Amino acid sequence: MNKRTPRVAGQVMSGALLLGMATIVSKVIGTLQKIPLQNIGGDGVFGIYNAVYPFYVLLVAIASAGIPVAVARLVAECEAAGDEIGSEQVLLASGLLMTVTGIAGFFAMLAGAEQIASWIGNQHTVAAIQSAAYALLVMPLAAALRGYDQGSGRMTSTAVSQVVEQTGRVAVMIGLLLYYSHLGAADETIAAGATLGSFAGGLCGLLTMMIFRWREKRRNRSRLRKRPQLGMKQQAGAIWSWIRKLTWTALPICLGAIVLPAVNVVDVFTVPRFLLQQGWSEAEALAQFGVYSRAYPLVQLVTMVASSLAV
């Protein structure tokens, strides 16, 4: 038996434990952030936020769900075969794919904000929808980098970036909540500031991953210089081939990942519209939707911790 096997297995187990703990911490932070959101912003802001957030989660899932797993799998296969060039090509392919899908999702959400608001039945959500769209510029690329590091056996960067992302998101969200509330801004403006925290958190997570990536390349600089270089045409063909593999590998995972966000979107479509039909105004309907959403943080906290421990 290879003497390195126990050590490698130990590294994998410790990395998985670290990643699991970081997932629990980040999910707890992300769930508990709704408490100050409701207490500072009130039912109206909370209702707008909870009406918009499911669309953001759904688009992020469509744009990036499955890619980290697919990237990790393909990179791990390349690493096992000693194909360092292949690993780098997977990273380039996933980065290109995620950048394109993220930008497409950003413009779709930004341009379609009024249409989405009409589906909800409330034009007070337009600004928050447009604000949430910016996160799609950074979240998918961060997901690709995390998948690459996981496939290479480096879990620390993913764990740290997840916690940094959630911490940055909540910090910016609370800061903007306090700022706009102090100014006496309208509920839709306060909610737009709160949703902008998703972009700030995603940017923090992306920058964290890029710092880890830069440190890794610097550490292996001399070895990377000796690596044979491919021609541009050959490199482009290889990357396109990896993009196809990534797409087909990630597609089933993505379809499974969008089920829960899609169900949450159904609530957004039905509850506010039902309240409007009962004679409530748009502002009152969103405030009542905020009251309806109060129990979610506690339920999500219990289920998220349980699912994280199960993994």
C-alpha atoms as a PDB file:
ATOM      1  CA  MET A   1       0.000   0.000   0.000  1.00  0.00           C
ATOM      2  CA  ASN A   2       1.197   3.488  -0.751  1.00  0.00           C
ATOM      3  CA  LYS A   3       2.525   5.091   2.460  1.00  0.00           C
ATOM      4  CA  ARG A   4       0.967   8.372   1.443  1.00  0.00           C
ATOM      5  CA  THR A   5      -2.540   6.907   1.351  1.00  0.00           C
ATOM      6  CA  PRO A   6      -3.334   7.316   5.094  1.00  0.00           C
ATOM      7  CA  ARG A   7      -1.971  10.863   5.061  1.00  0.00           C
ATOM      8  CA  VAL A   8      -3.960  11.797   1.970  1.00  0.00           C
ATOM      9  CA  ALA A   9      -7.095  10.223   3.430  1.00  0.00           C
ATOM     10  CA  GLY A  10      -6.546  12.187   6.632  1.00  0.00           C
ATOM     11  CA  GLN A  11      -6.167  15.404   4.669  1.00  0.00           C
ATOM     12  CA  VAL A  12      -9.380  14.709   2.780  1.00  0.00           C
ATOM     13  CA  MET A  13     -11.275  13.987   5.994  1.00  0.00           C
ATOM     14  CA  SER A  14      -9.961  17.088   7.767  1.00  0.00           C
ATOM     15  CA  GLY A  15     -10.720  19.184   4.691  1.00  0.00           C
ATOM     16  CA  ALA A  16     -14.252  17.809   4.474  1.00  0.00           C
ATOM     17  CA  LEU A  17     -14.778  18.500   8.188  1.00  0.00           C
ATOM     18  CA  LEU A  18     -13.502  22.058   7.805  1.00  0.00           C
ATOM     19  CA  LEU A  19     -15.739  22.630   4.790  1.00  0.00           C
ATOM     20  CA  GLY A  20     -18.749  21.189   6.608  1.00  0.00           C
ATOM     21  CA  MET A  21     -18.174  23.447   9.613  1.00  0.00           C
ATOM     22  CA  ALA A  22     -17.784  26.495   7.358  1.00  0.00           C
ATOM     23  CA  THR A  23     -21.005  25.578   5.564  1.00  0.00           C
ATOM     24  CA  ILE A  24     -22.878  25.411   8.863  1.00  0.00           C
ATOM     25  CA  VAL A  25     -21.429  28.732  10.055  1.00  0.00           C
ATOM     26  CA  SER A  26     -22.168  30.528   6.777  1.00  0.00           C
ATOM     27  CA  LYS A  27     -25.717  29.158   6.599  1.00  0.00           C
ATOM     28  CA  VAL A  28     -26.401  30.132  10.213  1.00  0.00           C
ATOM     29  CA  ILE A  29     -25.131  33.659   9.511  1.00  0.00           C
ATOM     30  CA  GLY A  30     -27.214  33.847   6.341  1.00  0.00           C
ATOM     31  CA  THR A  31     -30.341  32.708   8.167  1.00  0.00           C
ATOM     32  CA  LEU A  32     -29.941  34.880  11.260  1.00  0.00           C
ATOM     33  CA  GLN A  33     -29.406  38.008   9.137  1.00  0.00           C
ATOM     34  CA  LYS A  34     -33.155  38.121   8.551  1.00  0.00           C
ATOM     35  CA  ILE A  35     -33.727  38.959  12.217  1.00  0.00           C
ATOM     36  CA  PRO A  36     -32.082  42.426  12.099  1.00  0.00           C
ATOM     37  CA  LEU A  37     -33.557  42.870   8.628  1.00  0.00           C
ATOM     38  CA  GLN A  38     -37.062  42.559  10.043  1.00  0.00           C
ATOM     39  CA  ASN A  39     -36.347  44.471  13.253  1.00  0.00           C
ATOM     40  CA  ILE A  40     -34.628  47.414  11.539  1.00  0.00           C
ATOM     41  CA  GLY A  41     -36.534  47.572   8.274  1.00  0.00           C
ATOM     42  CA  GLY A  42     -39.968  46.524   9.478  1.00  0.00           C
ATOM     43  CA  ASP A  43     -42.581  44.335   7.836  1.00  0.00           C
ATOM     44  CA  GLY A  44     -42.680  46.358   4.603  1.00  0.00           C
ATOM     45  CA  VAL A  45     -38.938  46.077   3.921  1.00  0.00           C
ATOM     46  CA  PHE A  46     -38.928  42.465   5.073  1.00  0.00           C
ATOM     47  CA  GLY A  47     -41.788  41.688   2.704  1.00  0.00           C
ATOM     48  CA  ILE A  48     -40.059  43.292  -0.297  1.00  0.00           C
ATOM     49  CA  TYR A  49     -36.792  41.491   0.499  1.00  0.00           C
ATOM     50  CA  ASN A  50     -38.508  38.110   0.823  1.00  0.00           C
ATOM     51  CA  ALA A  51     -40.447  38.713  -2.385  1.00  0.00           C
ATOM     52  CA  VAL A  52     -37.253  39.434  -4.345  1.00  0.00           C
ATOM     53  CA  TYR A  53     -34.741  37.071  -2.753  1.00  0.00           C
ATOM     54  CA  PRO A  54     -36.255  33.828  -4.152  1.00  0.00           C
ATOM     55  CA  PHE A  55     -35.800  35.141  -7.724  1.00  0.00           C
ATOM     56  CA  TYR A  56     -32.171  35.951  -6.967  1.00  0.00           C
ATOM     57  CA  VAL A  57     -31.594  32.493  -5.467  1.00  0.00           C
ATOM     58  CA  LEU A  58     -33.278  30.859  -8.472  1.00  0.00           C
ATOM     59  CA  LEU A  59     -31.133  32.752 -10.993  1.00  0.00           C
ATOM     60  CA  VAL A  60     -27.946  32.032  -9.020  1.00  0.00           C
ATOM     61  CA  ALA A  61     -28.908  28.348  -8.977  1.00  0.00           C
ATOM     62  CA  ILE A  62     -29.535  28.345 -12.726  1.00  0.00           C
ATOM     63  CA  ALA A  63     -26.283  30.210 -13.407  1.00  0.00           C
ATOM     64  CA  SER A  64     -23.943  28.315 -11.102  1.00  0.00           C
ATOM     65  CA  ALA A  65     -25.557  25.325  -9.336  1.00  0.00           C
ATOM     66  CA  GLY A  66     -23.813  22.105 -10.229  1.00  0.00           C
ATOM     67  CA  ILE A  67     -20.712  23.808 -11.609  1.00  0.00           C
ATOM     68  CA  PRO A  68     -18.621  23.547  -8.395  1.00  0.00           C
ATOM     69  CA  VAL A  69     -19.381  19.820  -8.189  1.00  0.00           C
ATOM     70  CA  ALA A  70     -18.680  19.295 -11.896  1.00  0.00           C
ATOM     71  CA  VAL A  71     -15.443  21.292 -11.741  1.00  0.00           C
ATOM     72  CA  ALA A  72     -14.298  19.457  -8.601  1.00  0.00           C
ATOM     73  CA  ARG A  73     -14.972  16.089 -10.224  1.00  0.00           C
ATOM     74  CA  LEU A  74     -13.165  16.855 -13.487  1.00  0.00           C
ATOM     75  CA  VAL A  75     -10.226  18.510 -11.728  1.00  0.00           C
ATOM     76  CA  ALA A  76      -9.890  15.549  -9.360  1.00  0.00           C
ATOM     77  CA  GLU A  77      -9.805  13.204 -12.359  1.00  0.00           C
ATOM     78  CA  CYS A  78      -7.091  15.319 -13.987  1.00  0.00           C
ATOM     79  CA  GLU A  79      -5.076  15.489 -10.767  1.00  0.00           C
ATOM     80  CA  ALA A  80      -5.309  11.714 -10.317  1.00  0.00           C
ATOM     81  CA  ALA A  81      -3.982  11.252 -13.861  1.00  0.00           C
ATOM     82  CA  GLY A  82      -1.190  13.796 -13.290  1.00  0.00           C
ATOM     83  CA  ASP A  83      -2.681  16.092 -15.929  1.00  0.00           C
ATOM     84  CA  GLU A  84      -1.950  19.565 -14.536  1.00  0.00           C
ATOM     85  CA  ILE A  85      -2.618  21.203 -17.891  1.00  0.00           C
ATOM     86  CA  GLY A  86      -6.047  19.583 -17.960  1.00  0.00           C
ATOM     87  CA  SER A  87      -6.801  20.941 -14.475  1.00  0.00           C
ATOM     88  CA  GLU A  88      -5.916  24.456 -15.591  1.00  0.00           C
ATOM     89  CA  GLN A  89      -8.056  24.073 -18.697  1.00  0.00           C
ATOM     90  CA  VAL A  90     -11.028  23.010 -16.571  1.00  0.00           C
ATOM     91  CA  LEU A  91     -10.540  26.146 -14.476  1.00  0.00           C
ATOM     92  CA  LEU A  92     -10.363  28.367 -17.560  1.00  0.00           C
ATOM     93  CA  ALA A  93     -13.396  26.681 -19.114  1.00  0.00           C
ATOM     94  CA  SER A  94     -15.474  26.981 -15.947  1.00  0.00           C
ATOM     95  CA  GLY A  95     -14.400  30.586 -15.431  1.00  0.00           C
ATOM     96  CA  LEU A  96     -15.428  31.475 -18.980  1.00  0.00           C
ATOM     97  CA  LEU A  97     -18.724  29.589 -18.704  1.00  0.00           C
ATOM     98  CA  MET A  98     -19.599  31.159 -15.347  1.00  0.00           C
ATOM     99  CA  THR A  99     -18.670  34.653 -16.490  1.00  0.00           C
ATOM    100  CA  VAL A 100     -20.929  34.386 -19.540  1.00  0.00           C
ATOM    101  CA  THR A 101     -23.875  32.890 -17.637  1.00  0.00           C
ATOM    102  CA  GLY A 102     -23.453  35.393 -14.800  1.00  0.00           C
ATOM    103  CA  ILE A 103     -23.469  38.374 -17.150  1.00  0.00           C
ATOM    104  CA  ALA A 104     -26.465  36.944 -19.022  1.00  0.00           C
ATOM    105  CA  GLY A 105     -28.340  36.463 -15.752  1.00  0.00           C
ATOM    106  CA  PHE A 106     -27.422  39.981 -14.645  1.00  0.00           C
ATOM    107  CA  PHE A 107     -28.835  41.615 -17.762  1.00  0.00           C
ATOM    108  CA  ALA A 108     -31.906  39.351 -17.722  1.00  0.00           C
ATOM    109  CA  MET A 109     -32.727  40.296 -14.144  1.00  0.00           C
ATOM    110  CA  LEU A 110     -31.869  43.978 -14.616  1.00  0.00           C
ATOM    111  CA  ALA A 111     -33.873  44.396 -17.819  1.00  0.00           C
ATOM    112  CA  GLY A 112     -36.722  42.187 -16.660  1.00  0.00           C
ATOM    113  CA  ALA A 113     -37.150  43.810 -13.235  1.00  0.00           C
ATOM    114  CA  GLU A 114     -40.453  45.469 -14.105  1.00  0.00           C
ATOM    115  CA  GLN A 115     -41.785  42.284 -15.682  1.00  0.00           C
ATOM    116  CA  ILE A 116     -40.826  40.250 -12.605  1.00  0.00           C
ATOM    117  CA  ALA A 117     -42.470  42.888 -10.405  1.00  0.00           C
ATOM    118  CA  SER A 118     -45.654  42.578 -12.464  1.00  0.00           C
ATOM    119  CA  TRP A 119     -45.586  38.794 -11.952  1.00  0.00           C
ATOM    120  CA  ILE A 120     -45.370  39.414  -8.224  1.00  0.00           C
ATOM    121  CA  GLY A 121     -48.121  41.974  -8.573  1.00  0.00           C
ATOM    122  CA  ASN A 122     -46.202  44.766  -6.856  1.00  0.00           C
ATOM    123  CA  GLN A 123     -44.107  47.521  -8.445  1.00  0.00           C
ATOM    124  CA  HIS A 124     -42.474  48.348  -5.088  1.00  0.00           C
ATOM    125  CA  THR A 125     -40.093  45.428  -5.735  1.00  0.00           C
ATOM    126  CA  VAL A 126     -38.474  46.819  -8.922  1.00  0.00           C
ATOM    127  CA  ALA A 127     -35.531  48.588  -7.237  1.00  0.00           C
ATOM    128  CA  ALA A 128     -34.721  45.577  -5.051  1.00  0.00           C
ATOM    129  CA  ILE A 129     -34.802  43.235  -8.061  1.00  0.00           C
ATOM    130  CA  GLN A 130     -32.370  45.464  -9.954  1.00  0.00           C
ATOM    131  CA  SER A 131     -30.132  45.705  -6.890  1.00  0.00           C
ATOM    132  CA  ALA A 132     -30.035  41.927  -6.431  1.00  0.00           C
ATOM    133  CA  ALA A 133     -28.998  41.441 -10.078  1.00  0.00           C
ATOM    134  CA  TYR A 134     -25.468  42.733  -9.442  1.00  0.00           C
ATOM    135  CA  ALA A 135     -24.580  39.681  -7.357  1.00  0.00           C
ATOM    136  CA  LEU A 136     -24.793  37.572 -10.527  1.00  0.00           C
ATOM    137  CA  LEU A 137     -21.651  39.312 -11.788  1.00  0.00           C
ATOM    138  CA  VAL A 138     -19.498  37.748  -9.060  1.00  0.00           C
ATOM    139  CA  MET A 139     -21.218  34.709  -7.530  1.00  0.00           C
ATOM    140  CA  PRO A 140     -20.882  32.284 -10.484  1.00  0.00           C
ATOM    141  CA  LEU A 141     -17.153  32.945 -10.960  1.00  0.00           C
ATOM    142  CA  ALA A 142     -16.524  32.433  -7.241  1.00  0.00           C
ATOM    143  CA  ALA A 143     -18.366  29.107  -7.526  1.00  0.00           C
ATOM    144  CA  ALA A 144     -16.014  27.986 -10.316  1.00  0.00           C
ATOM    145  CA  LEU A 145     -12.922  28.842  -8.252  1.00  0.00           C
ATOM    146  CA  ARG A 146     -14.299  26.960  -5.262  1.00  0.00           C
ATOM    147  CA  GLY A 147     -14.933  23.891  -7.374  1.00  0.00           C
ATOM    148  CA  TYR A 148     -11.362  23.996  -8.688  1.00  0.00           C
ATOM    149  CA  ASP A 149      -9.837  24.180  -5.224  1.00  0.00           C
ATOM    150  CA  GLN A 150     -12.070  21.393  -3.929  1.00  0.00           C
ATOM    151  CA  GLY A 151     -11.043  19.173  -6.823  1.00  0.00           C
ATOM    152  CA  SER A 152      -7.404  19.928  -6.026  1.00  0.00           C
ATOM    153  CA  GLY A 153      -7.944  18.958  -2.387  1.00  0.00           C
ATOM    154  CA  ARG A 154      -7.688  22.502  -1.026  1.00  0.00           C
ATOM    155  CA  MET A 155     -10.743  22.977   1.175  1.00  0.00           C
ATOM    156  CA  THR A 156      -9.444  25.854   3.299  1.00  0.00           C
ATOM    157  CA  SER A 157      -9.960  28.485   0.611  1.00  0.00           C
ATOM    158  CA  THR A 158     -13.552  27.398   0.006  1.00  0.00           C
ATOM    159  CA  ALA A 159     -14.321  27.322   3.725  1.00  0.00           C
ATOM    160  CA  VAL A 160     -12.818  30.742   4.381  1.00  0.00           C
ATOM    161  CA  SER A 161     -14.465  32.336   1.339  1.00  0.00           C
ATOM    162  CA  GLN A 162     -17.913  31.042   2.317  1.00  0.00           C
ATOM    163  CA  VAL A 163     -17.679  32.578   5.785  1.00  0.00           C
ATOM    164  CA  VAL A 164     -16.185  35.814   4.419  1.00  0.00           C
ATOM    165  CA  GLU A 165     -18.955  36.044   1.822  1.00  0.00           C
ATOM    166  CA  GLN A 166     -21.774  35.669   4.326  1.00  0.00           C
ATOM    167  CA  THR A 167     -20.118  37.973   6.857  1.00  0.00           C
ATOM    168  CA  GLY A 168     -19.576  40.654   4.215  1.00  0.00           C
ATOM    169  CA  ARG A 169     -23.129  40.293   2.942  1.00  0.00           C
ATOM    170  CA  VAL A 170     -24.683  40.681   6.383  1.00  0.00           C
ATOM    171  CA  ALA A 171     -22.361  43.535   7.404  1.00  0.00           C
ATOM    172  CA  VAL A 172     -23.134  45.588   4.284  1.00  0.00           C
ATOM    173  CA  MET A 173     -26.830  44.768   4.494  1.00  0.00           C
ATOM    174  CA  ILE A 174     -27.112  45.925   8.118  1.00  0.00           C
ATOM    175  CA  GLY A 175     -24.992  49.008   7.403  1.00  0.00           C
ATOM    176  CA  LEU A 176     -27.222  50.067   4.508  1.00  0.00           C
ATOM    177  CA  LEU A 177     -30.349  49.252   6.496  1.00  0.00           C
ATOM    178  CA  LEU A 178     -29.229  51.571   9.288  1.00  0.00           C
ATOM    179  CA  TYR A 179     -28.124  54.265   6.836  1.00  0.00           C
ATOM    180  CA  TYR A 180     -31.311  54.385   4.768  1.00  0.00           C
ATOM    181  CA  SER A 181     -33.530  53.996   7.830  1.00  0.00           C
ATOM    182  CA  HIS A 182     -31.763  56.974   9.422  1.00  0.00           C
ATOM    183  CA  LEU A 183     -32.451  58.995   6.270  1.00  0.00           C
ATOM    184  CA  GLY A 184     -36.118  58.051   6.433  1.00  0.00           C
ATOM    185  CA  ALA A 185     -36.015  56.459   2.967  1.00  0.00           C
ATOM    186  CA  ALA A 186     -38.976  54.616   1.478  1.00  0.00           C
ATOM    187  CA  ASP A 187     -39.340  50.887   2.090  1.00  0.00           C
ATOM    188  CA  GLU A 188     -38.398  50.002  -1.497  1.00  0.00           C
ATOM    189  CA  THR A 189     -35.144  52.005  -1.200  1.00  0.00           C
ATOM    190  CA  ILE A 190     -34.235  50.366   2.107  1.00  0.00           C
ATOM    191  CA  ALA A 191     -34.980  46.919   0.663  1.00  0.00           C
ATOM    192  CA  ALA A 192     -32.828  47.680  -2.407  1.00  0.00           C
ATOM    193  CA  GLY A 193     -29.953  48.585  -0.084  1.00  0.00           C
ATOM    194  CA  ALA A 194     -30.426  45.335   1.815  1.00  0.00           C
ATOM    195  CA  THR A 195     -30.345  43.228  -1.356  1.00  0.00           C
ATOM    196  CA  LEU A 196     -27.170  45.017  -2.469  1.00  0.00           C
ATOM    197  CA  GLY A 197     -25.484  43.186   0.394  1.00  0.00           C
ATOM    198  CA  SER A 198     -25.573  40.038  -1.759  1.00  0.00           C
ATOM    199  CA  PHE A 199     -23.300  41.702  -4.319  1.00  0.00           C
ATOM    200  CA  ALA A 200     -20.947  42.960  -1.598  1.00  0.00           C
ATOM    201  CA  GLY A 201     -20.759  39.524   0.000  1.00  0.00           C
ATOM    202  CA  GLY A 202     -20.230  37.804  -3.339  1.00  0.00           C
ATOM    203  CA  LEU A 203     -17.448  40.243  -4.182  1.00  0.00           C
ATOM    204  CA  CYS A 204     -15.760  39.565  -0.824  1.00  0.00           C
ATOM    205  CA  GLY A 205     -15.982  35.825  -1.457  1.00  0.00           C
ATOM    206  CA  LEU A 206     -14.602  36.171  -4.990  1.00  0.00           C
ATOM    207  CA  LEU A 207     -11.693  38.341  -3.858  1.00  0.00           C
ATOM    208  CA  THR A 208     -10.896  35.818  -1.122  1.00  0.00           C
ATOM    209  CA  MET A 209     -10.759  33.000  -3.665  1.00  0.00           C
ATOM    210  CA  MET A 210      -8.588  35.091  -5.992  1.00  0.00           C
ATOM    211  CA  ILE A 211      -6.134  35.799  -3.157  1.00  0.00           C
ATOM    212  CA  PHE A 212      -5.831  32.084  -2.392  1.00  0.00           C
ATOM    213  CA  ARG A 213      -5.395  31.388  -6.115  1.00  0.00           C
ATOM    214  CA  TRP A 214      -2.660  34.025  -6.410  1.00  0.00           C
ATOM    215  CA  ARG A 215      -0.815  32.585  -3.396  1.00  0.00           C
ATOM    216  CA  GLU A 216      -0.996  29.075  -4.844  1.00  0.00           C
ATOM    217  CA  LYS A 217       0.388  30.188  -8.222  1.00  0.00           C
ATOM    218  CA  ARG A 218       3.165  32.156  -6.524  1.00  0.00           C
ATOM    219  CA  ARG A 219       4.118  29.125  -4.436  1.00  0.00           C
ATOM    220  CA  ASN A 220       4.375  26.929  -7.560  1.00  0.00           C
ATOM    221  CA  ARG A 221       5.835  29.599  -9.839  1.00  0.00           C
ATOM    222  CA  SER A 222       9.051  27.758 -10.704  1.00  0.00           C
ATOM    223  CA  ARG A 223       7.238  24.516 -11.533  1.00  0.00           C
ATOM    224  CA  LEU A 224       4.629  26.293 -13.639  1.00  0.00           C
ATOM    225  CA  ARG A 225       7.339  27.884 -15.787  1.00  0.00           C
ATOM    226  CA  LYS A 226       8.566  24.433 -16.843  1.00  0.00           C
ATOM    227  CA  ARG A 227       5.116  23.362 -17.989  1.00  0.00           C
ATOM    228  CA  PRO A 228       4.783  22.956 -21.790  1.00  0.00           C
ATOM    229  CA  GLN A 229       2.699  25.662 -23.459  1.00  0.00           C
ATOM    230  CA  LEU A 230      -0.085  24.864 -25.902  1.00  0.00           C
ATOM    231  CA  GLY A 231      -0.819  26.852 -29.040  1.00  0.00           C
ATOM    232  CA  MET A 232      -3.743  29.238 -28.971  1.00  0.00           C
ATOM    233  CA  LYS A 233      -5.830  27.149 -31.376  1.00  0.00           C
ATOM    234  CA  GLN A 234      -5.117  23.945 -29.469  1.00  0.00           C
ATOM    235  CA  GLN A 235      -5.873  25.633 -26.151  1.00  0.00           C
ATOM    236  CA  ALA A 236      -9.172  27.054 -27.447  1.00  0.00           C
ATOM    237  CA  GLY A 237     -10.257  23.644 -28.731  1.00  0.00           C
ATOM    238  CA  ALA A 238      -9.435  21.998 -25.418  1.00  0.00           C
ATOM    239  CA  ILE A 239     -11.316  24.639 -23.426  1.00  0.00           C
ATOM    240  CA  TRP A 240     -14.385  24.290 -25.643  1.00  0.00           C
ATOM    241  CA  SER A 241     -14.284  20.525 -25.092  1.00  0.00           C
ATOM    242  CA  TRP A 242     -14.132  21.051 -21.318  1.00  0.00           C
ATOM    243  CA  ILE A 243     -17.046  23.492 -21.476  1.00  0.00           C
ATOM    244  CA  ARG A 244     -19.199  20.791 -23.084  1.00  0.00           C
ATOM    245  CA  LYS A 245     -18.149  18.264 -20.435  1.00  0.00           C
ATOM    246  CA  LEU A 246     -18.845  20.736 -17.637  1.00  0.00           C
ATOM    247  CA  THR A 247     -22.276  21.543 -19.034  1.00  0.00           C
ATOM    248  CA  TRP A 248     -23.390  17.933 -19.333  1.00  0.00           C
ATOM    249  CA  THR A 249     -21.959  17.037 -15.918  1.00  0.00           C
ATOM    250  CA  ALA A 250     -23.525  20.020 -14.147  1.00  0.00           C
ATOM    251  CA  LEU A 251     -26.933  19.955 -15.861  1.00  0.00           C
ATOM    252  CA  PRO A 252     -28.552  17.145 -13.796  1.00  0.00           C
ATOM    253  CA  ILE A 253     -27.225  18.686 -10.567  1.00  0.00           C
ATOM    254  CA  CYS A 254     -28.532  22.097 -11.611  1.00  0.00           C
ATOM    255  CA  LEU A 255     -32.000  20.706 -12.334  1.00  0.00           C
ATOM    256  CA  GLY A 256     -32.124  19.194  -8.867  1.00  0.00           C
ATOM    257  CA  ALA A 257     -30.817  22.372  -7.234  1.00  0.00           C
ATOM    258  CA  ILE A 258     -33.486  24.660  -8.693  1.00  0.00           C
ATOM    259  CA  VAL A 259     -36.449  22.679  -7.332  1.00  0.00           C
ATOM    260  CA  LEU A 260     -36.524  24.329  -3.888  1.00  0.00           C
ATOM    261  CA  PRO A 261     -35.909  27.899  -5.192  1.00  0.00           C
ATOM    262  CA  ALA A 262     -38.674  27.349  -7.757  1.00  0.00           C
ATOM    263  CA  VAL A 263     -41.077  26.290  -4.998  1.00  0.00           C
ATOM    264  CA  ASN A 264     -40.213  29.445  -3.029  1.00  0.00           C
ATOM    265  CA  VAL A 265     -40.925  31.547  -6.125  1.00  0.00           C
ATOM    266  CA  VAL A 266     -44.417  30.028  -6.245  1.00  0.00           C
ATOM    267  CA  ASP A 267     -45.097  31.547  -2.808  1.00  0.00           C
ATOM    268  CA  VAL A 268     -44.008  34.943  -4.102  1.00  0.00           C
ATOM    269  CA  PHE A 269     -46.357  34.652  -7.071  1.00  0.00           C
ATOM    270  CA  THR A 270     -49.379  33.559  -5.053  1.00  0.00           C
ATOM    271  CA  VAL A 271     -49.414  35.107  -1.568  1.00  0.00           C
ATOM    272  CA  PRO A 272     -49.090  38.840  -2.451  1.00  0.00           C
ATOM    273  CA  ARG A 273     -51.545  38.478  -5.343  1.00  0.00           C
ATOM    274  CA  PHE A 274     -54.042  36.717  -3.100  1.00  0.00           C
ATOM    275  CA  LEU A 275     -53.793  39.584  -0.596  1.00  0.00           C
ATOM    276  CA  LEU A 276     -54.340  42.114  -3.389  1.00  0.00           C
ATOM    277  CA  GLN A 277     -57.476  40.252  -4.428  1.00  0.00           C
ATOM    278  CA  GLN A 278     -58.729  40.543  -0.849  1.00  0.00           C
ATOM    279  CA  GLY A 279     -58.575  44.330  -1.066  1.00  0.00           C
ATOM    280  CA  TRP A 280     -55.155  45.078   0.447  1.00  0.00           C
ATOM    281  CA  SER A 281     -53.029  47.802  -1.149  1.00  0.00           C
ATOM    282  CA  GLU A 282     -49.635  46.894  -2.671  1.00  0.00           C
ATOM    283  CA  ALA A 283     -47.746  48.258   0.361  1.00  0.00           C
ATOM    284  CA  GLU A 284     -50.072  46.505   2.811  1.00  0.00           C
ATOM    285  CA  ALA A 285     -49.830  43.225   0.884  1.00  0.00           C
ATOM    286  CA  LEU A 286     -46.032  43.268   1.046  1.00  0.00           C
ATOM    287  CA  ALA A 287     -46.115  44.132   4.748  1.00  0.00           C
ATOM    288  CA  GLN A 288     -48.394  41.146   5.380  1.00  0.00           C
ATOM    289  CA  PHE A 289     -46.107  38.976   3.243  1.00  0.00           C
ATOM    290  CA  GLY A 290     -43.294  40.091   5.548  1.00  0.00           C
ATOM    291  CA  VAL A 291     -45.313  38.923   8.552  1.00  0.00           C
ATOM    292  CA  TYR A 292     -45.979  35.640   6.741  1.00  0.00           C
ATOM    293  CA  SER A 293     -42.215  35.217   6.177  1.00  0.00           C
ATOM    294  CA  ARG A 294     -41.194  35.794   9.808  1.00  0.00           C
ATOM    295  CA  ALA A 295     -41.138  32.107  10.703  1.00  0.00           C
ATOM    296  CA  TYR A 296     -38.834  31.172   7.807  1.00  0.00           C
ATOM    297  CA  PRO A 297     -35.499  32.019   9.501  1.00  0.00           C
ATOM    298  CA  LEU A 298     -36.114  29.639  12.410  1.00  0.00           C
ATOM    299  CA  VAL A 299     -37.350  26.821  10.165  1.00  0.00           C
ATOM    300  CA  GLN A 300     -34.449  27.322   7.738  1.00  0.00           C
ATOM    301  CA  LEU A 301     -31.927  27.387  10.586  1.00  0.00           C
ATOM    302  CA  VAL A 302     -33.040  23.994  11.898  1.00  0.00           C
ATOM    303  CA  THR A 303     -33.220  22.333   8.467  1.00  0.00           C
ATOM    304  CA  MET A 304     -29.940  23.824   7.222  1.00  0.00           C
ATOM    305  CA  VAL A 305     -27.971  22.713  10.294  1.00  0.00           C
ATOM    306  CA  ALA A 306     -29.521  19.247  10.084  1.00  0.00           C
ATOM    307  CA  SER A 307     -28.740  18.896   6.359  1.00  0.00           C
ATOM    308  CA  SER A 308     -25.177  20.163   6.831  1.00  0.00           C
ATOM    309  CA  LEU A 309     -24.535  17.633   9.600  1.00  0.00           C
ATOM    310  CA  ALA A 310     -26.005  14.892   7.417  1.00  0.00           C
ATOM    311  CA  VAL A 311     -23.515  15.722   4.656  1.00  0.00           C
END
